[in-house]
Amino acid sequence: MRLSTHSRYGVRAVFDIAFHSAGLETQVKDISRRQGISPRYLEQIFQKLKRGGIVGSKRGPAGGYFLTKKPEQITVAEILQVTEGD
C-alpha cells in the first residue's frame, strides 16, 4: 500500500504533537522545524485533521494545535482515513 505525502506527514504531525506538547497547544512553526515539513503544507494537513476531529486549534499568539483525544486513543488508521478520504 502506498501512502500519500499528506498521510505520511499527517501521522508525523500527530506524533509530534503527542510527543512534544504534553497536552498543550503546539505551533505549526515548531512542528515544521522539527519534522522538516513546510508550514503551509502542514496547515493544509491540519485542516483535514481538524475536520476529522483528531486535532483542535486555539487562535492567538499563544495558540496552536492540540489533540482532541489522548494520544493512545488515536490510531494510525484513523489518521489515514481522514487524510486519504474515502
N, C-alpha and C. Protein backbone atom coordinates (compact mmCIF):
# COMPACT_ATOMS: atom_id res chain seq x y z
N MET A 1 0.84 -1.17 0.00
CA MET A 1 0.00 0.00 0.00
C MET A 1 0.89 1.24 0.00
N ARG A 2 0.61 2.15 -0.91
CA ARG A 2 1.36 3.40 -0.98
C ARG A 2 0.54 4.50 -0.30
N LEU A 3 1.21 5.24 0.54
CA LEU A 3 0.55 6.34 1.24
C LEU A 3 0.91 7.66 0.59
N SER A 4 -0.03 8.56 0.58
CA SER A 4 0.24 9.89 0.04
C SER A 4 1.12 10.66 1.02
N THR A 5 1.70 11.72 0.53
CA THR A 5 2.52 12.58 1.39
C THR A 5 1.66 13.18 2.49
N HIS A 6 0.41 13.52 2.17
CA HIS A 6 -0.50 14.05 3.18
C HIS A 6 -0.62 13.07 4.35
N SER A 7 -0.78 11.81 4.04
CA SER A 7 -0.95 10.80 5.10
C SER A 7 0.31 10.61 5.91
N ARG A 8 1.44 10.50 5.24
CA ARG A 8 2.70 10.31 5.97
C ARG A 8 3.00 11.50 6.87
N TYR A 9 2.83 12.69 6.34
CA TYR A 9 3.08 13.89 7.14
C TYR A 9 2.03 14.06 8.23
N GLY A 10 0.81 13.64 7.96
CA GLY A 10 -0.23 13.70 8.98
C GLY A 10 0.10 12.84 10.18
N VAL A 11 0.58 11.64 9.93
CA VAL A 11 0.98 10.75 11.02
C VAL A 11 2.15 11.36 11.80
N ARG A 12 3.12 11.90 11.08
CA ARG A 12 4.27 12.52 11.73
C ARG A 12 3.85 13.72 12.57
N ALA A 13 2.94 14.53 12.05
CA ALA A 13 2.49 15.73 12.77
C ALA A 13 1.74 15.36 14.05
N VAL A 14 0.85 14.37 13.96
CA VAL A 14 0.11 13.95 15.15
C VAL A 14 1.06 13.36 16.18
N PHE A 15 2.01 12.56 15.73
CA PHE A 15 3.01 12.01 16.65
C PHE A 15 3.81 13.14 17.30
N ASP A 16 4.18 14.13 16.53
CA ASP A 16 4.96 15.25 17.06
C ASP A 16 4.20 15.97 18.16
N ILE A 17 2.92 16.23 17.93
CA ILE A 17 2.11 16.89 18.95
C ILE A 17 2.04 16.02 20.21
N ALA A 18 1.80 14.73 20.02
CA ALA A 18 1.69 13.82 21.16
C ALA A 18 3.00 13.76 21.95
N PHE A 19 4.10 13.75 21.25
CA PHE A 19 5.41 13.58 21.89
C PHE A 19 5.91 14.87 22.56
N HIS A 20 5.70 16.00 21.91
CA HIS A 20 6.32 17.24 22.37
C HIS A 20 5.40 18.19 23.14
N SER A 21 4.09 18.04 23.05
CA SER A 21 3.22 19.09 23.57
C SER A 21 2.81 18.92 25.02
N ALA A 22 2.80 17.74 25.55
CA ALA A 22 2.36 17.48 26.93
C ALA A 22 0.96 18.04 27.18
N GLY A 23 0.07 17.91 26.19
CA GLY A 23 -1.31 18.34 26.35
C GLY A 23 -1.56 19.80 26.05
N LEU A 24 -0.53 20.54 25.71
CA LEU A 24 -0.67 21.96 25.40
C LEU A 24 -0.72 22.18 23.89
N GLU A 25 -1.02 23.41 23.49
CA GLU A 25 -1.04 23.74 22.07
C GLU A 25 0.38 23.75 21.52
N THR A 26 0.51 23.33 20.27
CA THR A 26 1.80 23.33 19.59
C THR A 26 1.65 24.14 18.32
N GLN A 27 2.57 25.04 18.09
CA GLN A 27 2.50 25.89 16.91
C GLN A 27 3.06 25.17 15.68
N VAL A 28 2.48 25.51 14.54
CA VAL A 28 2.87 24.89 13.27
C VAL A 28 4.36 25.12 13.00
N LYS A 29 4.85 26.30 13.31
CA LYS A 29 6.26 26.60 13.02
C LYS A 29 7.19 25.66 13.78
N ASP A 30 6.80 25.26 14.99
CA ASP A 30 7.63 24.34 15.77
C ASP A 30 7.60 22.92 15.17
N ILE A 31 6.42 22.48 14.79
CA ILE A 31 6.30 21.15 14.16
C ILE A 31 7.05 21.15 12.85
N SER A 32 6.90 22.22 12.09
CA SER A 32 7.57 22.35 10.80
C SER A 32 9.08 22.24 10.95
N ARG A 33 9.61 22.93 11.93
CA ARG A 33 11.06 22.91 12.17
C ARG A 33 11.54 21.53 12.57
N ARG A 34 10.81 20.88 13.49
CA ARG A 34 11.23 19.56 13.97
C ARG A 34 11.09 18.48 12.92
N GLN A 35 10.04 18.55 12.10
CA GLN A 35 9.76 17.49 11.14
C GLN A 35 10.27 17.78 9.73
N GLY A 36 10.69 19.00 9.47
CA GLY A 36 11.19 19.35 8.14
C GLY A 36 10.09 19.38 7.09
N ILE A 37 8.93 19.87 7.48
CA ILE A 37 7.77 19.96 6.59
C ILE A 37 7.39 21.43 6.46
N SER A 38 7.04 21.85 5.26
CA SER A 38 6.64 23.23 5.01
C SER A 38 5.45 23.62 5.89
N PRO A 39 5.49 24.80 6.51
CA PRO A 39 4.37 25.24 7.34
C PRO A 39 3.06 25.35 6.56
N ARG A 40 3.13 25.80 5.32
CA ARG A 40 1.91 25.91 4.50
C ARG A 40 1.30 24.54 4.24
N TYR A 41 2.15 23.56 3.98
CA TYR A 41 1.67 22.20 3.73
C TYR A 41 1.07 21.61 5.02
N LEU A 42 1.71 21.88 6.14
CA LEU A 42 1.19 21.40 7.42
C LEU A 42 -0.18 22.00 7.71
N GLU A 43 -0.38 23.27 7.39
CA GLU A 43 -1.68 23.91 7.61
C GLU A 43 -2.78 23.18 6.83
N GLN A 44 -2.48 22.78 5.60
CA GLN A 44 -3.46 22.03 4.79
C GLN A 44 -3.79 20.70 5.46
N ILE A 45 -2.78 20.03 5.95
CA ILE A 45 -2.98 18.73 6.61
C ILE A 45 -3.79 18.92 7.89
N PHE A 46 -3.45 19.95 8.67
CA PHE A 46 -4.17 20.19 9.92
C PHE A 46 -5.63 20.54 9.69
N GLN A 47 -5.95 21.16 8.57
CA GLN A 47 -7.35 21.46 8.28
C GLN A 47 -8.14 20.15 8.13
N LYS A 48 -7.54 19.17 7.45
CA LYS A 48 -8.19 17.86 7.31
C LYS A 48 -8.30 17.16 8.67
N LEU A 49 -7.22 17.20 9.44
CA LEU A 49 -7.23 16.55 10.75
C LEU A 49 -8.23 17.22 11.69
N LYS A 50 -8.38 18.52 11.55
CA LYS A 50 -9.35 19.25 12.37
C LYS A 50 -10.78 18.86 11.99
N ARG A 51 -11.06 18.79 10.69
CA ARG A 51 -12.40 18.37 10.24
C ARG A 51 -12.69 16.94 10.66
N GLY A 52 -11.65 16.11 10.74
CA GLY A 52 -11.81 14.72 11.16
C GLY A 52 -11.90 14.53 12.66
N GLY A 53 -11.73 15.61 13.42
CA GLY A 53 -11.85 15.52 14.87
C GLY A 53 -10.63 14.98 15.59
N ILE A 54 -9.50 14.94 14.91
CA ILE A 54 -8.29 14.42 15.54
C ILE A 54 -7.55 15.53 16.29
N VAL A 55 -7.54 16.72 15.71
CA VAL A 55 -6.91 17.86 16.37
C VAL A 55 -7.90 19.00 16.50
N GLY A 56 -7.62 19.88 17.42
CA GLY A 56 -8.37 21.11 17.58
C GLY A 56 -7.38 22.25 17.50
N SER A 57 -7.88 23.47 17.50
CA SER A 57 -6.97 24.60 17.42
C SER A 57 -7.40 25.72 18.35
N LYS A 58 -6.43 26.51 18.71
CA LYS A 58 -6.65 27.68 19.54
C LYS A 58 -5.98 28.85 18.82
N ARG A 59 -6.72 29.93 18.64
CA ARG A 59 -6.19 31.08 17.92
C ARG A 59 -5.40 31.98 18.86
N GLY A 60 -4.62 32.84 18.26
CA GLY A 60 -3.89 33.83 19.03
C GLY A 60 -2.40 33.57 19.07
N PRO A 61 -1.66 34.51 19.64
CA PRO A 61 -0.20 34.39 19.66
C PRO A 61 0.30 33.18 20.44
N ALA A 62 -0.44 32.74 21.45
CA ALA A 62 -0.03 31.58 22.22
C ALA A 62 -0.80 30.34 21.79
N GLY A 63 -1.49 30.43 20.67
CA GLY A 63 -2.33 29.34 20.20
C GLY A 63 -1.55 28.29 19.44
N GLY A 64 -2.28 27.39 18.85
CA GLY A 64 -1.68 26.32 18.07
C GLY A 64 -2.66 25.16 17.98
N TYR A 65 -2.14 24.00 17.65
CA TYR A 65 -2.96 22.80 17.51
C TYR A 65 -2.74 21.88 18.70
N PHE A 66 -3.79 21.14 19.03
CA PHE A 66 -3.73 20.19 20.14
C PHE A 66 -4.54 18.96 19.76
N LEU A 67 -4.26 17.85 20.41
CA LEU A 67 -5.01 16.61 20.17
C LEU A 67 -6.34 16.68 20.90
N THR A 68 -7.39 16.21 20.26
CA THR A 68 -8.71 16.24 20.89
C THR A 68 -8.95 15.01 21.75
N LYS A 69 -8.10 14.00 21.60
CA LYS A 69 -8.20 12.79 22.42
C LYS A 69 -6.82 12.49 23.00
N LYS A 70 -6.78 11.55 23.89
CA LYS A 70 -5.49 11.10 24.41
C LYS A 70 -4.72 10.43 23.26
N PRO A 71 -3.41 10.58 23.23
CA PRO A 71 -2.62 10.01 22.14
C PRO A 71 -2.84 8.50 21.95
N GLU A 72 -3.02 7.78 23.05
CA GLU A 72 -3.19 6.32 22.93
C GLU A 72 -4.55 5.93 22.34
N GLN A 73 -5.46 6.89 22.23
CA GLN A 73 -6.77 6.61 21.64
C GLN A 73 -6.83 6.91 20.14
N ILE A 74 -5.78 7.49 19.60
CA ILE A 74 -5.74 7.83 18.18
C ILE A 74 -4.98 6.73 17.44
N THR A 75 -5.60 6.18 16.41
CA THR A 75 -4.96 5.12 15.64
C THR A 75 -4.41 5.68 14.33
N VAL A 76 -3.42 5.00 13.80
CA VAL A 76 -2.87 5.38 12.50
C VAL A 76 -3.95 5.24 11.44
N ALA A 77 -4.77 4.23 11.57
CA ALA A 77 -5.87 4.02 10.60
C ALA A 77 -6.81 5.22 10.58
N GLU A 78 -7.09 5.79 11.73
CA GLU A 78 -7.96 6.96 11.82
C GLU A 78 -7.33 8.15 11.10
N ILE A 79 -6.04 8.36 11.31
CA ILE A 79 -5.33 9.46 10.65
C ILE A 79 -5.35 9.25 9.14
N LEU A 80 -5.08 8.02 8.70
CA LEU A 80 -5.07 7.72 7.27
C LEU A 80 -6.44 7.92 6.64
N GLN A 81 -7.47 7.52 7.33
CA GLN A 81 -8.83 7.69 6.82
C GLN A 81 -9.17 9.17 6.63
N VAL A 82 -8.76 10.00 7.57
CA VAL A 82 -9.04 11.43 7.47
C VAL A 82 -8.21 12.08 6.37
N THR A 83 -6.94 11.73 6.26
CA THR A 83 -6.08 12.38 5.28
C THR A 83 -6.26 11.84 3.87
N GLU A 84 -6.58 10.57 3.73
CA GLU A 84 -6.77 9.98 2.40
C GLU A 84 -8.19 10.17 1.86
N GLY A 85 -9.14 10.29 2.76
CA GLY A 85 -10.53 10.37 2.31
C GLY A 85 -11.09 8.98 2.06
N ASP A 86 -12.23 8.92 1.42
CA ASP A 86 -12.88 7.62 1.17
C ASP A 86 -12.21 6.82 0.09
